[in-house]
Amino acid sequence: MLINRRHLLHAAAASGIYSLLPSLTLAATAMEKRLVVIIQRGGMDSLDAVQPWGDPAFKLLRPTTELIAPAPAFAVDNFFAFNDALKPLHPLFSAKELSVVHSVSTPYRARSHFDAQDFLERGADDHSNLESGWVNRLITLLGGRKVEFAADIGTGASYIMRGPAPTLNIYPKSDLSFWADSTQFLQLLYQNDPAYKPVLDSIKATGTTKPEKTDQTATHEVAALAAKMLKQDCRIAAFSLYGWDTHAQQTNNLKKSLAELADAITTLKVELGDVWANTLVVVASEFGRTAHFNGTGGTDHGTGGAAFFAGGLMAGGQGGKIITNRWPGLADDKLFEGRDLNPTDDVRRYIGWALISLYDLSPDKLSSTIFPGVDMGQQLRMI
């Protein structure tokens, strides 16, 4: 029998080859456009990542002292500045392949990581009664377009992929002795299939030893694996980045996480090559952080945040912009509950309009199936 990557992945899943393998979610479709969803788990401080220096309250809110200060930044327009750790992304911003939607959130207003992440991944207002993730519902909706399989890169299946569409978990941080046993099983299973070897070799190319990895190295490998799969059968990928819960010593800790994010996006661009022109990358966190620094040079759980949109497809829409419905202001009387950046729009609306263009969906279908309850508002051409 002839084998293709889909057959091999199903066989690998059956043999357990991925059960010990950060989680990347993959979906194969017959379409040429690619979607990558990255979840920043822990709550990113958007006021430090994309700093609103044009707001006079910002300098008063976060005075420049050795302990309490936003990280060094460079201006990207006459109001906002990127954290220095995002410098690798500036060429993409200049090429209109990157934008940031600022002062947004989901409708969730409490500050629990777990509940907020569930809300973001479910994507629905009535999240208590919906047990599927919005990417899984998207894959189900696209089922008529030959969605063949989906999978998760990370330490377990994420909520965003939960639902009726079949998924596959992939863990690049593998136990290589188990990997070896599983690949030997597959070799025996398909030893007489001439099409098998190059397919297996391309998957095994993610590594044959078990090195000690830094978080950024691991993220680089996850992004590279995602790109590799997206250049073949897969058309949808999702994975998570951790370390955004910066309660203490934020300047240094956030710098590391932002550098990791920048590396993930630039790795996708480099590894995807020409495919990057047909790719949309969506990066979102469950909430933002407090506007004021705390006594340990960190920030606590907040509300309003920011989302990144990247990819070659952005150049045809809202690329090269810091997008806000309206800037809420940072004076104490403008903060949400006197402590957080006030969200002025629903992050799902921006993701939704991007998906509408990406897959030629109707706004009604988007708001009834993918993001139930979202007010799509005025039409916005994201890509």
Protein backbone atom coordinates (compact mmCIF):
# COMPACT_ATOMS: atom_id res chain seq x y z
CA MET A 1 0.00 0.00 0.00
CA LEU A 2 1.20 3.53 -0.71
CA ILE A 3 1.69 5.82 2.26
CA ASN A 4 1.41 9.58 2.58
CA ARG A 5 2.12 11.83 5.57
CA ARG A 6 -1.47 11.59 6.79
CA HIS A 7 -1.27 7.77 6.89
CA LEU A 8 2.04 7.90 8.70
CA LEU A 9 0.78 10.38 11.29
CA HIS A 10 -2.25 8.23 12.01
CA ALA A 11 -0.01 5.17 12.32
CA ALA A 12 2.34 7.12 14.59
CA ALA A 13 -0.56 8.16 16.80
CA ALA A 14 -1.77 4.56 17.01
CA SER A 15 1.68 3.34 18.01
CA GLY A 16 2.11 6.06 20.65
CA ILE A 17 5.00 7.73 18.88
CA TYR A 18 3.79 11.23 19.83
CA SER A 19 2.54 10.51 23.33
CA LEU A 20 5.82 11.66 24.86
CA LEU A 21 6.75 14.09 22.22
CA PRO A 22 5.84 21.41 23.49
CA SER A 23 2.26 20.85 21.81
CA LEU A 24 1.71 21.79 18.17
CA THR A 25 -1.74 21.51 16.70
CA LEU A 26 -1.85 20.70 13.03
CA ALA A 27 -4.66 20.35 10.53
CA ALA A 28 -4.43 19.31 6.90
CA THR A 29 -6.74 20.91 4.37
CA ALA A 30 -6.89 21.16 0.62
CA MET A 31 -6.44 24.95 0.80
CA GLU A 32 -3.22 26.84 0.24
CA LYS A 33 -3.59 29.47 2.97
CA ARG A 34 -2.03 28.67 6.35
CA LEU A 35 -3.11 29.63 9.87
CA VAL A 36 -0.86 29.54 12.95
CA VAL A 37 -2.31 30.27 16.42
CA ILE A 38 0.09 30.94 19.31
CA ILE A 39 -1.25 31.21 22.88
CA GLN A 40 0.86 33.23 25.35
CA ARG A 41 0.05 31.52 28.64
CA GLY A 42 0.37 33.58 31.81
CA GLY A 43 -0.87 37.02 30.73
CA MET A 44 1.40 39.30 28.67
CA ASP A 45 2.01 42.87 29.86
CA SER A 46 1.04 44.73 26.70
CA LEU A 47 2.05 48.07 28.24
CA ASP A 48 5.66 46.89 28.38
CA ALA A 49 5.65 44.86 25.17
CA VAL A 50 4.16 47.71 23.10
CA GLN A 51 4.67 50.84 25.17
CA PRO A 52 2.34 53.85 24.74
CA TRP A 53 4.89 56.61 25.22
CA GLY A 54 2.53 59.06 23.51
CA ASP A 55 0.25 58.90 26.53
CA PRO A 56 1.65 61.41 29.09
CA ALA A 57 0.29 59.25 31.93
CA PHE A 58 2.59 56.38 30.94
CA LYS A 59 5.73 58.06 32.29
CA LEU A 60 3.92 58.88 35.53
CA LEU A 61 2.44 55.40 35.75
CA ARG A 62 5.77 53.66 35.39
CA PRO A 63 8.56 55.99 36.52
CA THR A 64 12.02 55.19 35.26
CA THR A 65 13.86 53.78 38.26
CA GLU A 66 16.21 50.84 38.54
CA LEU A 67 13.49 48.63 40.00
CA ILE A 68 10.27 49.91 38.49
CA ALA A 69 10.51 50.83 34.82
CA PRO A 70 9.38 49.64 31.42
CA ALA A 71 12.13 47.96 29.45
CA PRO A 72 14.07 49.97 26.84
CA ALA A 73 12.08 50.43 23.65
CA PHE A 74 12.24 51.86 20.14
CA ALA A 75 9.51 53.88 18.46
CA VAL A 76 7.39 52.30 15.73
CA ASP A 77 5.06 55.28 15.24
CA ASN A 78 4.43 58.64 16.92
CA PHE A 79 2.63 57.05 19.89
CA PHE A 80 3.85 53.48 20.46
CA ALA A 81 7.27 51.85 20.94
CA PHE A 82 8.21 48.18 20.81
CA ASN A 83 10.11 46.63 23.69
CA ASP A 84 13.76 46.24 22.59
CA ALA A 85 13.38 42.45 22.77
CA LEU A 86 11.03 42.69 19.77
CA LYS A 87 13.66 44.27 17.49
CA PRO A 88 13.85 41.09 15.36
CA LEU A 89 10.22 41.73 14.43
CA HIS A 90 10.75 45.31 13.28
CA PRO A 91 11.63 44.31 9.68
CA LEU A 92 8.29 42.46 9.51
CA PHE A 93 6.48 45.52 10.86
CA SER A 94 8.22 47.70 8.27
CA ALA A 95 7.28 45.22 5.53
CA LYS A 96 3.63 45.35 6.70
CA GLU A 97 3.83 41.69 7.73
CA LEU A 98 3.16 42.38 11.42
CA SER A 99 0.56 44.38 13.35
CA VAL A 100 -0.50 44.69 16.98
CA VAL A 101 -4.08 45.14 18.16
CA HIS A 102 -3.83 47.01 21.47
CA SER A 103 -6.19 47.54 24.43
CA VAL A 104 -8.26 44.42 23.69
CA SER A 105 -9.43 41.39 25.63
CA THR A 106 -12.08 38.71 25.64
CA PRO A 107 -15.29 39.59 27.55
CA TYR A 108 -13.87 37.75 30.59
CA ARG A 109 -13.32 40.24 33.44
CA ALA A 110 -12.02 38.18 36.36
CA ARG A 111 -8.32 37.40 36.67
CA SER A 112 -7.97 33.65 36.88
CA HIS A 113 -5.41 32.22 34.46
CA PHE A 114 -7.33 28.99 34.00
CA ASP A 115 -10.76 30.52 33.45
CA ALA A 116 -9.34 33.25 31.20
CA GLN A 117 -7.41 30.74 29.07
CA ASP A 118 -10.49 28.54 28.78
CA PHE A 119 -12.52 31.56 27.65
CA LEU A 120 -9.90 32.53 25.06
CA GLU A 121 -9.65 28.99 23.72
CA ARG A 122 -13.39 28.28 23.74
CA GLY A 123 -13.93 31.64 22.08
CA ALA A 124 -17.55 31.86 23.22
CA ASP A 125 -19.49 34.13 25.59
CA ASP A 126 -21.49 31.26 27.08
CA HIS A 127 -18.30 29.32 27.71
CA SER A 128 -19.72 27.26 30.57
CA ASN A 129 -21.93 25.28 28.17
CA LEU A 130 -19.50 24.89 25.29
CA GLU A 131 -16.93 22.12 25.52
CA SER A 132 -15.06 22.69 22.25
CA GLY A 133 -12.29 25.05 21.20
CA TRP A 134 -12.69 27.60 18.44
CA VAL A 135 -9.94 26.11 16.25
CA ASN A 136 -11.62 22.71 16.44
CA ARG A 137 -14.94 24.28 15.48
CA LEU A 138 -13.18 26.05 12.60
CA ILE A 139 -11.76 22.73 11.38
CA THR A 140 -15.20 21.15 11.67
CA LEU A 141 -16.72 24.02 9.71
CA LEU A 142 -14.09 23.57 7.01
CA GLY A 143 -14.73 19.83 6.88
CA GLY A 144 -16.33 20.13 3.49
CA ARG A 145 -13.00 21.37 2.22
CA LYS A 146 -11.21 18.11 2.96
CA VAL A 147 -9.79 18.68 6.43
CA GLU A 148 -7.91 15.43 6.91
CA PHE A 149 -6.37 15.57 10.39
CA ALA A 150 -5.45 17.89 13.27
CA ALA A 151 -2.86 17.61 16.02
CA ASP A 152 -1.48 19.47 19.10
CA ILE A 153 2.59 20.55 19.55
CA GLY A 154 3.01 20.70 23.44
CA THR A 155 2.55 19.03 26.79
CA GLY A 156 -1.02 17.88 26.23
CA ALA A 157 -4.05 18.65 24.14
CA SER A 158 -5.04 22.32 24.48
CA TYR A 159 -8.63 23.42 24.93
CA ILE A 160 -8.48 25.32 21.66
CA MET A 161 -8.41 21.97 19.83
CA ARG A 162 -11.03 20.15 21.88
CA GLY A 163 -14.07 19.00 19.94
CA PRO A 164 -15.37 16.60 17.30
CA ALA A 165 -12.63 17.18 14.71
CA PRO A 166 -9.91 14.52 15.13
CA THR A 167 -6.66 15.80 16.62
CA LEU A 168 -3.13 14.51 17.01
CA ASN A 169 -0.68 15.51 19.78
CA ILE A 170 2.95 16.07 18.83
CA TYR A 171 5.68 16.53 21.44
CA PRO A 172 9.13 17.47 20.03
CA LYS A 173 10.66 17.12 23.53
CA SER A 174 10.53 13.36 23.15
CA ASP A 175 11.85 10.47 25.14
CA LEU A 176 14.13 9.20 22.39
CA SER A 177 14.24 5.60 23.57
CA PHE A 178 10.47 5.51 23.14
CA TRP A 179 10.86 7.30 19.78
CA ALA A 180 13.29 4.62 18.67
CA ASP A 181 10.94 1.81 19.67
CA SER A 182 8.05 3.44 17.85
CA THR A 183 9.97 4.14 14.67
CA GLN A 184 11.25 0.57 14.60
CA PHE A 185 7.62 -0.56 14.81
CA LEU A 186 6.70 1.67 11.87
CA GLN A 187 9.72 0.48 9.89
CA LEU A 188 8.56 -3.10 10.28
CA LEU A 189 5.02 -2.10 9.42
CA TYR A 190 6.00 -0.34 6.19
CA GLN A 191 9.34 -2.00 5.33
CA ASN A 192 8.17 -2.93 1.84
CA ASP A 193 6.72 0.48 1.00
CA PRO A 194 9.18 2.57 -1.10
CA ALA A 195 7.21 5.74 -0.35
CA TYR A 196 7.63 5.29 3.40
CA LYS A 197 11.33 6.10 3.92
CA PRO A 198 11.41 9.77 2.80
CA VAL A 199 8.25 10.51 4.80
CA LEU A 200 9.60 9.00 8.01
CA ASP A 201 13.01 10.62 7.46
CA SER A 202 11.40 14.04 7.19
CA ILE A 203 9.64 13.55 10.54
CA LYS A 204 12.71 12.06 12.26
CA ALA A 205 14.71 15.09 11.12
CA THR A 206 13.41 16.94 14.19
CA GLY A 207 16.19 15.18 16.13
CA THR A 208 17.76 11.84 17.05
CA THR A 209 19.26 12.75 20.41
CA LYS A 210 17.81 14.27 23.54
CA PRO A 211 19.67 17.57 24.13
CA GLU A 212 19.17 19.89 27.06
CA LYS A 213 17.14 22.78 25.68
CA THR A 214 16.52 26.33 26.79
CA ASP A 215 12.94 27.59 26.46
CA GLN A 216 13.92 29.62 23.39
CA THR A 217 15.66 26.65 21.78
CA ALA A 218 12.59 24.50 22.38
CA THR A 219 10.33 27.21 20.97
CA HIS A 220 12.57 27.53 17.92
CA GLU A 221 12.26 23.79 17.30
CA VAL A 222 8.48 23.83 17.75
CA ALA A 223 8.13 26.73 15.29
CA ALA A 224 10.47 25.03 12.82
CA LEU A 225 8.48 21.78 13.08
CA ALA A 226 5.23 23.67 12.59
CA ALA A 227 6.65 25.33 9.47
CA LYS A 228 7.88 22.02 8.14
CA MET A 229 4.46 20.43 8.49
CA LEU A 230 2.70 23.48 7.05
CA LYS A 231 4.85 23.24 3.94
CA GLN A 232 3.51 19.73 3.42
CA ASP A 233 -0.04 18.50 4.12
CA CYS A 234 -0.95 20.70 7.08
CA ARG A 235 -2.69 24.05 6.82
CA ILE A 236 -3.47 24.92 10.47
CA ALA A 237 -1.01 24.85 13.39
CA ALA A 238 -1.24 25.95 17.03
CA PHE A 239 1.15 25.93 19.95
CA SER A 240 1.69 27.70 23.29
CA LEU A 241 4.41 29.90 24.75
CA TYR A 242 4.83 30.03 28.52
CA GLY A 243 6.49 32.40 31.03
CA TRP A 244 4.26 35.50 30.72
CA ASP A 245 3.18 35.59 34.40
CA THR A 246 5.66 38.33 35.39
CA HIS A 247 4.83 39.01 39.05
CA ALA A 248 8.46 39.87 39.90
CA GLN A 249 11.51 41.29 38.10
CA GLN A 250 9.43 41.82 35.00
CA THR A 251 12.00 43.78 32.99
CA ASN A 252 14.30 40.78 32.66
CA ASN A 253 11.66 38.06 32.61
CA LEU A 254 9.46 39.73 30.00
CA LYS A 255 12.50 40.41 27.82
CA LYS A 256 13.17 36.67 27.69
CA SER A 257 9.58 35.83 26.79
CA LEU A 258 9.38 38.53 24.11
CA ALA A 259 12.64 37.31 22.60
CA GLU A 260 11.12 33.83 22.51
CA LEU A 261 8.03 35.17 20.75
CA ALA A 262 10.15 37.08 18.23
CA ASP A 263 12.16 33.95 17.53
CA ALA A 264 9.00 31.87 17.02
CA ILE A 265 7.60 34.31 14.46
CA THR A 266 10.87 34.89 12.60
CA THR A 267 11.51 31.13 12.55
CA LEU A 268 8.11 30.59 10.96
CA LYS A 269 8.91 33.19 8.31
CA VAL A 270 12.34 31.75 7.50
CA GLU A 271 11.30 28.10 7.53
CA LEU A 272 8.10 28.65 5.58
CA GLY A 273 9.97 30.41 2.78
CA ASP A 274 7.61 31.22 -0.08
CA VAL A 275 4.67 29.78 1.90
CA TRP A 276 4.96 32.74 4.32
CA ALA A 277 3.17 34.89 1.72
CA ASN A 278 0.07 32.71 2.23
CA THR A 279 0.29 32.56 6.04
CA LEU A 280 -1.53 34.28 8.92
CA VAL A 281 -0.11 34.06 12.46
CA VAL A 282 -2.35 35.03 15.40
CA VAL A 283 -0.77 35.52 18.85
CA ALA A 284 -2.98 36.14 21.91
CA SER A 285 -2.81 35.95 25.70
CA GLU A 286 -5.60 35.34 28.20
CA PHE A 287 -5.39 38.86 29.70
CA GLY A 288 -3.06 41.79 30.28
CA ARG A 289 -1.49 42.93 33.53
CA THR A 290 -1.82 45.71 36.08
CA ALA A 291 -0.90 49.18 34.88
CA HIS A 292 1.22 49.91 37.96
CA PHE A 293 4.29 47.86 38.84
CA ASN A 294 4.17 46.10 42.20
CA GLY A 295 6.81 46.28 44.94
CA THR A 296 8.91 43.48 43.42
CA GLY A 297 9.31 45.12 40.02
CA GLY A 298 6.57 43.02 38.47
CA THR A 299 2.92 43.29 37.49
CA ASP A 300 -0.10 41.33 38.60
CA HIS A 301 -3.05 39.84 36.70
CA GLY A 302 -4.88 42.48 34.68
CA THR A 303 -7.49 42.89 31.95
CA GLY A 304 -6.74 44.79 28.72
CA GLY A 305 -3.90 43.42 26.62
CA ALA A 306 -2.70 43.12 23.04
CA ALA A 307 -2.63 40.57 20.22
CA PHE A 308 -0.09 40.17 17.43
CA PHE A 309 -1.01 39.41 13.82
CA ALA A 310 1.80 38.39 11.47
CA GLY A 311 2.36 36.73 8.11
CA GLY A 312 2.67 37.65 4.48
CA LEU A 313 -1.11 37.92 4.21
CA MET A 314 -1.10 40.93 6.54
CA ALA A 315 0.55 43.06 3.85
CA GLY A 316 -2.74 43.04 1.92
CA GLY A 317 -4.74 44.39 4.86
CA GLN A 318 -3.83 45.92 8.22
CA GLY A 319 -0.10 45.14 8.16
CA GLY A 320 2.42 47.55 9.69
CA LYS A 321 0.03 49.13 12.19
CA ILE A 322 -0.66 49.42 15.90
CA ILE A 323 -4.45 49.07 15.83
CA THR A 324 -6.81 50.36 18.50
CA ASN A 325 -10.54 50.90 18.49
CA ARG A 326 -9.69 53.93 20.64
CA TRP A 327 -6.91 54.47 23.14
CA PRO A 328 -8.51 54.33 26.62
CA GLY A 329 -5.88 56.41 28.43
CA LEU A 330 -3.76 55.54 31.43
CA ALA A 331 -4.75 58.15 33.99
CA ASP A 332 -6.02 56.52 37.17
CA ASP A 333 -9.63 57.41 36.40
CA LYS A 334 -9.31 55.76 32.96
CA LEU A 335 -8.06 52.41 34.22
CA PHE A 336 -10.36 49.41 34.51
CA GLU A 337 -11.31 49.12 38.20
CA GLY A 338 -8.57 51.67 38.87
CA ARG A 339 -5.78 49.18 38.12
CA ASP A 340 -5.75 47.70 34.57
CA LEU A 341 -5.54 48.85 30.98
CA ASN A 342 -9.16 49.30 29.97
CA PRO A 343 -10.08 47.03 27.03
CA THR A 344 -11.88 48.96 24.30
CA ASP A 345 -12.61 46.08 21.94
CA ASP A 346 -13.06 42.31 21.75
CA VAL A 347 -9.94 40.52 20.53
CA ARG A 348 -12.16 37.86 18.95
CA ARG A 349 -13.56 40.46 16.54
CA TYR A 350 -10.14 41.00 14.96
CA ILE A 351 -9.37 37.28 14.81
CA GLY A 352 -12.85 36.77 13.38
CA TRP A 353 -12.48 39.26 10.53
CA ALA A 354 -9.10 37.72 9.69
CA LEU A 355 -10.71 34.26 9.52
CA ILE A 356 -13.54 35.59 7.37
CA SER A 357 -11.03 36.75 4.76
CA LEU A 358 -8.78 33.72 5.17
CA TYR A 359 -11.51 31.16 4.55
CA ASP A 360 -14.16 33.20 2.73
CA LEU A 361 -16.63 32.79 5.60
CA SER A 362 -19.75 34.82 6.24
CA PRO A 363 -19.81 37.05 9.35
CA ASP A 364 -22.98 35.26 10.45
CA LYS A 365 -21.29 31.88 10.27
CA LEU A 366 -18.32 33.24 12.19
CA SER A 367 -20.42 34.71 15.01
CA SER A 368 -22.70 31.68 15.27
CA THR A 369 -20.14 28.88 15.03
CA ILE A 370 -16.55 29.98 15.62
CA PHE A 371 -17.06 32.79 18.15
CA PRO A 372 -20.66 32.47 19.42
CA GLY A 373 -21.83 35.72 20.97
CA VAL A 374 -19.21 38.01 19.47
CA ASP A 375 -20.35 41.33 18.03
CA MET A 376 -18.44 41.52 14.75
CA GLY A 377 -19.14 45.24 14.42
CA GLN A 378 -18.06 47.17 11.34
CA GLN A 379 -16.31 45.22 8.61
CA LEU A 380 -12.55 45.16 8.97
CA ARG A 381 -10.20 43.81 6.35
CA MET A 382 -7.40 42.33 8.46
CA ILE A 383 -5.68 40.51 5.59
